[in-house]
N, C-alpha and C. Protein backbone atom coordinates (compact mmCIF):
# COMPACT_ATOMS: atom_id res chain seq x y z
N MET A 1 -14.76 0.97 21.83
CA MET A 1 -13.45 1.47 22.01
C MET A 1 -12.50 0.55 22.45
N SER A 2 -11.40 0.18 22.09
CA SER A 2 -10.51 -0.93 22.55
C SER A 2 -9.89 -0.37 23.91
N GLN A 3 -9.53 -1.27 24.77
CA GLN A 3 -8.87 -0.71 25.91
C GLN A 3 -7.38 -1.12 25.59
N PRO A 4 -6.50 -0.31 26.07
CA PRO A 4 -4.95 -0.49 25.85
C PRO A 4 -4.48 -1.90 26.44
N SER A 5 -5.07 -2.20 27.45
CA SER A 5 -4.54 -3.41 28.06
C SER A 5 -4.94 -4.87 27.21
N ALA A 6 -6.04 -4.75 26.35
CA ALA A 6 -6.30 -5.86 25.60
C ALA A 6 -5.22 -6.41 24.91
N VAL A 7 -5.27 -7.80 24.79
CA VAL A 7 -4.15 -8.44 24.14
C VAL A 7 -4.70 -8.74 22.61
N PRO A 8 -3.93 -8.24 21.69
CA PRO A 8 -4.21 -8.53 20.25
C PRO A 8 -4.39 -9.77 19.86
N VAL A 9 -5.04 -10.51 18.98
CA VAL A 9 -5.11 -11.82 18.70
C VAL A 9 -5.02 -12.01 17.17
N VAL A 10 -3.96 -12.67 16.53
CA VAL A 10 -4.11 -12.81 15.25
C VAL A 10 -4.51 -14.24 14.84
N GLU A 11 -5.28 -14.38 13.70
CA GLU A 11 -5.82 -15.65 13.39
C GLU A 11 -5.68 -15.56 11.96
N ARG A 12 -5.38 -16.73 11.22
CA ARG A 12 -5.58 -16.98 9.73
C ARG A 12 -7.01 -17.45 9.51
N VAL A 13 -7.63 -16.61 8.44
CA VAL A 13 -9.01 -16.89 8.18
C VAL A 13 -8.97 -17.37 6.66
N ASP A 14 -8.64 -18.57 6.31
CA ASP A 14 -8.51 -19.30 5.09
C ASP A 14 -9.50 -19.11 4.24
N ALA A 15 -10.74 -19.11 4.66
CA ALA A 15 -12.02 -18.92 3.81
C ALA A 15 -12.17 -17.57 2.91
N ARG A 16 -11.32 -16.71 3.78
CA ARG A 16 -11.29 -15.03 3.34
C ARG A 16 -9.86 -14.73 2.58
N ASN A 17 -9.11 -15.79 2.62
CA ASN A 17 -7.53 -15.42 2.19
C ASN A 17 -6.77 -14.52 3.02
N ARG A 18 -6.89 -14.42 4.33
CA ARG A 18 -6.32 -13.34 5.06
C ARG A 18 -6.14 -13.65 6.43
N TYR A 19 -5.29 -12.97 7.05
CA TYR A 19 -5.11 -13.05 8.49
C TYR A 19 -5.47 -11.80 9.00
N GLU A 20 -6.29 -12.04 10.08
CA GLU A 20 -6.88 -10.85 11.00
C GLU A 20 -6.40 -10.59 12.29
N ILE A 21 -6.32 -9.41 12.74
CA ILE A 21 -5.84 -8.99 14.15
C ILE A 21 -7.06 -8.58 14.88
N ARG A 22 -7.42 -9.11 15.99
CA ARG A 22 -8.73 -8.87 16.74
C ARG A 22 -8.27 -8.19 18.03
N VAL A 23 -8.99 -7.23 18.52
CA VAL A 23 -8.61 -6.46 19.75
C VAL A 23 -10.07 -6.50 20.44
N ASP A 24 -10.10 -7.06 21.64
CA ASP A 24 -11.45 -7.16 22.40
C ASP A 24 -12.55 -7.84 21.36
N GLY A 25 -12.11 -8.70 20.69
CA GLY A 25 -13.15 -9.55 19.79
C GLY A 25 -13.39 -8.72 18.61
N LYS A 26 -12.98 -7.57 18.31
CA LYS A 26 -13.42 -6.48 17.16
C LYS A 26 -12.15 -6.81 16.00
N ARG A 27 -12.48 -7.04 14.89
CA ARG A 27 -11.45 -6.92 13.82
C ARG A 27 -10.65 -5.53 13.82
N ALA A 28 -9.39 -5.59 14.07
CA ALA A 28 -8.79 -4.44 14.08
C ALA A 28 -8.15 -4.27 12.62
N GLY A 29 -7.70 -5.12 11.90
CA GLY A 29 -6.96 -5.04 10.81
C GLY A 29 -7.06 -6.37 10.12
N LEU A 30 -6.30 -6.27 8.82
CA LEU A 30 -5.84 -7.72 8.20
C LEU A 30 -4.87 -7.54 7.21
N THR A 31 -4.39 -8.60 6.80
CA THR A 31 -3.39 -8.63 5.83
C THR A 31 -3.94 -9.95 4.80
N ALA A 32 -4.09 -9.44 3.61
CA ALA A 32 -4.77 -10.31 2.52
C ALA A 32 -3.64 -11.06 1.85
N TYR A 33 -4.00 -12.20 1.50
CA TYR A 33 -3.01 -13.15 0.61
C TYR A 33 -3.73 -13.93 -0.33
N ARG A 34 -3.09 -14.47 -1.44
CA ARG A 34 -3.73 -15.52 -2.15
C ARG A 34 -2.39 -16.66 -2.20
N ASP A 35 -2.84 -17.76 -2.15
CA ASP A 35 -1.67 -18.80 -2.37
C ASP A 35 -1.54 -19.15 -3.72
N HIS A 36 -0.31 -19.22 -4.37
CA HIS A 36 0.32 -19.48 -5.58
C HIS A 36 1.16 -20.48 -5.62
N GLY A 37 0.44 -21.81 -5.48
CA GLY A 37 1.68 -23.07 -5.30
C GLY A 37 2.21 -23.14 -3.93
N ALA A 38 3.60 -23.06 -3.98
CA ALA A 38 4.31 -22.94 -2.57
C ALA A 38 4.42 -21.58 -1.97
N GLN A 39 3.86 -20.55 -2.63
CA GLN A 39 4.13 -19.15 -2.46
C GLN A 39 2.92 -18.57 -1.81
N ARG A 40 2.92 -17.85 -0.79
CA ARG A 40 1.74 -16.98 -0.13
C ARG A 40 2.13 -15.61 -0.66
N VAL A 41 1.30 -15.07 -1.51
CA VAL A 41 1.50 -13.84 -2.13
C VAL A 41 0.54 -12.80 -1.18
N PHE A 42 1.19 -11.87 -0.44
CA PHE A 42 0.46 -10.77 0.28
C PHE A 42 0.21 -9.68 -0.53
N HIS A 43 -0.86 -9.15 -0.59
CA HIS A 43 -1.28 -8.06 -1.65
C HIS A 43 -1.87 -7.01 -0.80
N HIS A 44 -2.22 -6.98 0.42
CA HIS A 44 -3.01 -5.87 0.90
C HIS A 44 -2.87 -5.81 2.59
N THR A 45 -2.48 -4.96 3.07
CA THR A 45 -2.63 -4.77 4.66
C THR A 45 -3.41 -3.55 5.06
N GLU A 46 -4.29 -3.43 6.14
CA GLU A 46 -4.87 -2.50 6.48
C GLU A 46 -5.10 -2.75 8.08
N ILE A 47 -5.10 -1.41 8.79
CA ILE A 47 -5.50 -1.44 10.04
C ILE A 47 -6.70 -0.47 10.21
N ASP A 48 -7.74 -0.50 10.85
CA ASP A 48 -8.82 0.28 11.05
C ASP A 48 -8.34 1.58 11.76
N ASP A 49 -8.73 2.58 11.23
CA ASP A 49 -8.25 4.22 11.70
C ASP A 49 -8.48 4.07 13.39
N ALA A 50 -9.49 3.22 13.90
CA ALA A 50 -9.83 3.39 15.45
C ALA A 50 -8.72 2.91 16.26
N PHE A 51 -7.81 1.83 15.42
CA PHE A 51 -6.74 0.97 16.06
C PHE A 51 -5.34 1.44 15.81
N ALA A 52 -5.37 2.58 14.99
CA ALA A 52 -4.04 3.09 14.42
C ALA A 52 -3.03 3.46 15.52
N GLY A 53 -1.82 3.49 15.32
CA GLY A 53 -0.82 3.83 16.22
C GLY A 53 -0.56 3.00 17.61
N GLN A 54 -0.97 1.69 17.16
CA GLN A 54 -0.79 0.77 18.45
C GLN A 54 0.19 -0.43 18.12
N GLY A 55 0.83 -0.27 16.96
CA GLY A 55 1.78 -1.24 16.36
C GLY A 55 1.16 -2.52 15.88
N LEU A 56 -0.14 -2.39 15.84
CA LEU A 56 -1.05 -3.61 15.37
C LEU A 56 -0.37 -4.34 13.98
N ALA A 57 -0.12 -3.41 13.10
CA ALA A 57 0.09 -3.89 11.60
C ALA A 57 1.33 -4.68 11.78
N SER A 58 2.28 -4.22 12.48
CA SER A 58 3.76 -4.80 12.78
C SER A 58 3.36 -6.30 13.44
N ARG A 59 2.64 -6.20 14.28
CA ARG A 59 2.45 -7.51 14.95
C ARG A 59 1.59 -8.62 14.08
N LEU A 60 0.68 -7.90 13.42
CA LEU A 60 -0.31 -8.88 12.32
C LEU A 60 0.77 -9.46 11.46
N VAL A 61 1.59 -8.54 10.72
CA VAL A 61 2.46 -9.10 9.64
C VAL A 61 3.57 -10.08 10.24
N GLN A 62 4.11 -9.85 11.54
CA GLN A 62 5.17 -10.61 12.24
C GLN A 62 4.40 -11.98 12.27
N GLU A 63 3.23 -12.06 12.78
CA GLU A 63 2.62 -13.48 13.25
C GLU A 63 2.21 -14.14 11.75
N ALA A 64 1.68 -13.28 10.68
CA ALA A 64 1.29 -13.83 9.51
C ALA A 64 2.46 -14.68 9.05
N LEU A 65 3.67 -13.82 8.96
CA LEU A 65 4.93 -14.63 8.23
C LEU A 65 5.51 -15.54 9.21
N THR A 66 5.41 -15.71 10.30
CA THR A 66 5.82 -16.66 11.29
C THR A 66 4.78 -18.01 10.82
N ASP A 67 3.54 -17.81 10.52
CA ASP A 67 2.81 -18.76 10.26
C ASP A 67 3.21 -19.41 8.75
N VAL A 68 3.54 -18.46 7.93
CA VAL A 68 4.21 -18.91 6.55
C VAL A 68 5.27 -19.86 6.73
N ARG A 69 6.28 -19.46 7.69
CA ARG A 69 7.34 -20.10 7.76
C ARG A 69 6.94 -21.66 8.22
N GLU A 70 6.08 -21.46 9.41
CA GLU A 70 5.64 -23.03 9.95
C GLU A 70 4.88 -23.72 8.94
N SER A 71 4.27 -23.13 8.07
CA SER A 71 3.48 -24.07 6.90
C SER A 71 4.42 -24.42 5.84
N GLY A 72 5.61 -24.10 5.65
CA GLY A 72 6.63 -24.25 4.79
C GLY A 72 6.45 -23.62 3.50
N LYS A 73 5.62 -22.70 3.36
CA LYS A 73 5.55 -21.72 2.21
C LYS A 73 6.47 -20.64 1.91
N ARG A 74 6.59 -19.85 0.88
CA ARG A 74 7.41 -18.90 0.60
C ARG A 74 6.61 -17.67 0.73
N ILE A 75 7.24 -16.52 0.67
CA ILE A 75 6.60 -15.07 0.88
C ILE A 75 6.64 -14.19 -0.37
N VAL A 76 5.89 -13.80 -1.00
CA VAL A 76 5.99 -12.85 -2.00
C VAL A 76 5.29 -11.66 -1.52
N PRO A 77 6.06 -10.41 -1.30
CA PRO A 77 5.61 -9.35 -0.68
C PRO A 77 5.03 -8.19 -1.87
N VAL A 78 3.94 -8.46 -2.34
CA VAL A 78 3.47 -7.43 -3.34
C VAL A 78 2.90 -6.26 -2.41
N CYS A 79 2.44 -6.39 -1.24
CA CYS A 79 1.93 -5.51 -0.59
C CYS A 79 3.08 -4.47 0.19
N PRO A 80 2.89 -3.18 -0.10
CA PRO A 80 4.04 -2.46 0.23
C PRO A 80 4.39 -2.51 1.86
N TYR A 81 3.37 -2.59 2.54
CA TYR A 81 3.57 -2.70 3.97
C TYR A 81 4.42 -3.96 4.40
N VAL A 82 4.00 -4.90 3.55
CA VAL A 82 4.81 -6.16 3.94
C VAL A 82 6.22 -6.22 3.33
N ALA A 83 6.44 -5.68 2.33
CA ALA A 83 7.62 -5.57 1.63
C ALA A 83 8.67 -4.53 2.64
N LYS A 84 7.90 -3.53 3.22
CA LYS A 84 8.70 -2.70 4.01
C LYS A 84 9.15 -3.41 5.18
N PHE A 85 8.04 -3.97 5.87
CA PHE A 85 8.40 -4.91 7.15
C PHE A 85 9.69 -5.81 7.04
N LEU A 86 9.59 -6.51 5.62
CA LEU A 86 10.82 -7.42 5.40
C LEU A 86 12.00 -6.95 5.34
N GLN A 87 12.22 -5.69 4.89
CA GLN A 87 13.42 -4.82 4.77
C GLN A 87 13.84 -4.66 6.12
N ARG A 88 13.09 -4.68 7.18
CA ARG A 88 13.57 -4.31 8.75
C ARG A 88 13.61 -5.57 9.43
N HIS A 89 13.30 -6.69 8.84
CA HIS A 89 13.38 -8.05 9.44
C HIS A 89 13.75 -9.14 8.80
N ASP A 90 15.09 -9.24 8.81
CA ASP A 90 16.03 -10.18 8.28
C ASP A 90 15.81 -11.72 8.39
N GLU A 91 15.08 -11.78 9.79
CA GLU A 91 14.91 -13.23 9.96
C GLU A 91 13.98 -14.02 9.21
N PHE A 92 13.10 -13.13 8.22
CA PHE A 92 12.36 -13.70 7.02
C PHE A 92 13.00 -13.81 5.80
N ALA A 93 14.27 -13.35 5.65
CA ALA A 93 14.78 -13.23 4.36
C ALA A 93 14.95 -14.44 3.55
N ASP A 94 15.11 -15.50 4.44
CA ASP A 94 15.34 -16.89 3.58
C ASP A 94 13.86 -17.37 3.15
N LEU A 95 12.91 -16.80 3.13
CA LEU A 95 11.46 -17.16 2.75
C LEU A 95 11.05 -16.32 1.60
N VAL A 96 11.64 -15.24 1.30
CA VAL A 96 11.07 -14.28 0.41
C VAL A 96 11.57 -14.61 -0.92
N ASP A 97 10.54 -14.51 -1.80
CA ASP A 97 10.72 -14.63 -3.40
C ASP A 97 10.48 -13.21 -4.04
N PRO A 98 10.91 -13.02 -5.00
CA PRO A 98 10.82 -11.67 -5.55
C PRO A 98 9.45 -11.52 -6.14
N VAL A 99 8.90 -10.36 -6.22
CA VAL A 99 7.73 -9.92 -7.00
C VAL A 99 8.14 -9.97 -8.57
N THR A 100 7.43 -10.95 -9.23
CA THR A 100 7.85 -10.86 -10.58
C THR A 100 6.75 -10.32 -11.58
N PRO A 101 6.87 -9.95 -12.72
CA PRO A 101 5.73 -9.75 -13.59
C PRO A 101 4.75 -11.00 -13.66
N ASP A 102 5.11 -12.06 -13.81
CA ASP A 102 4.27 -13.43 -13.84
C ASP A 102 3.51 -13.31 -12.72
N VAL A 103 3.95 -13.18 -11.59
CA VAL A 103 3.27 -13.13 -10.15
C VAL A 103 2.22 -11.92 -10.24
N LEU A 104 2.39 -10.83 -10.58
CA LEU A 104 1.66 -9.71 -10.69
C LEU A 104 0.51 -10.09 -11.80
N ARG A 105 0.69 -10.67 -12.87
CA ARG A 105 -0.34 -10.88 -13.70
C ARG A 105 -1.24 -11.95 -13.22
N TRP A 106 -0.73 -12.95 -12.48
CA TRP A 106 -1.34 -13.93 -11.85
C TRP A 106 -2.19 -13.51 -10.72
N LEU A 107 -1.88 -12.66 -9.85
CA LEU A 107 -2.54 -11.98 -8.77
C LEU A 107 -3.63 -11.09 -9.29
N GLU A 108 -3.48 -10.33 -10.50
CA GLU A 108 -4.75 -9.36 -11.00
C GLU A 108 -5.68 -10.40 -11.54
N THR A 109 -5.55 -11.48 -12.12
CA THR A 109 -6.43 -12.53 -12.54
C THR A 109 -7.05 -13.04 -11.12
N GLU A 110 -6.28 -13.37 -10.21
CA GLU A 110 -7.08 -13.92 -9.07
C GLU A 110 -7.92 -12.77 -8.26
N LEU A 111 -7.54 -11.73 -8.21
CA LEU A 111 -8.38 -10.57 -7.66
C LEU A 111 -9.55 -10.11 -8.68
N ALA A 112 -9.52 -10.48 -9.65
CA ALA A 112 -10.55 -9.77 -10.84
C ALA A 112 -12.03 -10.34 -10.39
């Protein structure tokens, strides 16, 4: 069980195409992506039930999107959580590309 005072750490795990958030060394959640040229397409976010209600998903996505900004890429929010987060956080609006049928077809092929 994690301690409330533990500081969550977010790291990009390129080999697994995702960002992970860890609490006390345990993976508490992830947001998964695939890179499509200059776009980072986010397609899934999850937080383990044991860590629910601690604001970890928001912190995870915030740090992931900040990393995307620093890398010079664009954001495509296929994941409903990432899309909702972006609606509430205008500071990333300049990085967002629309979810298009072409991107969805490409992503489906990538994930198959």
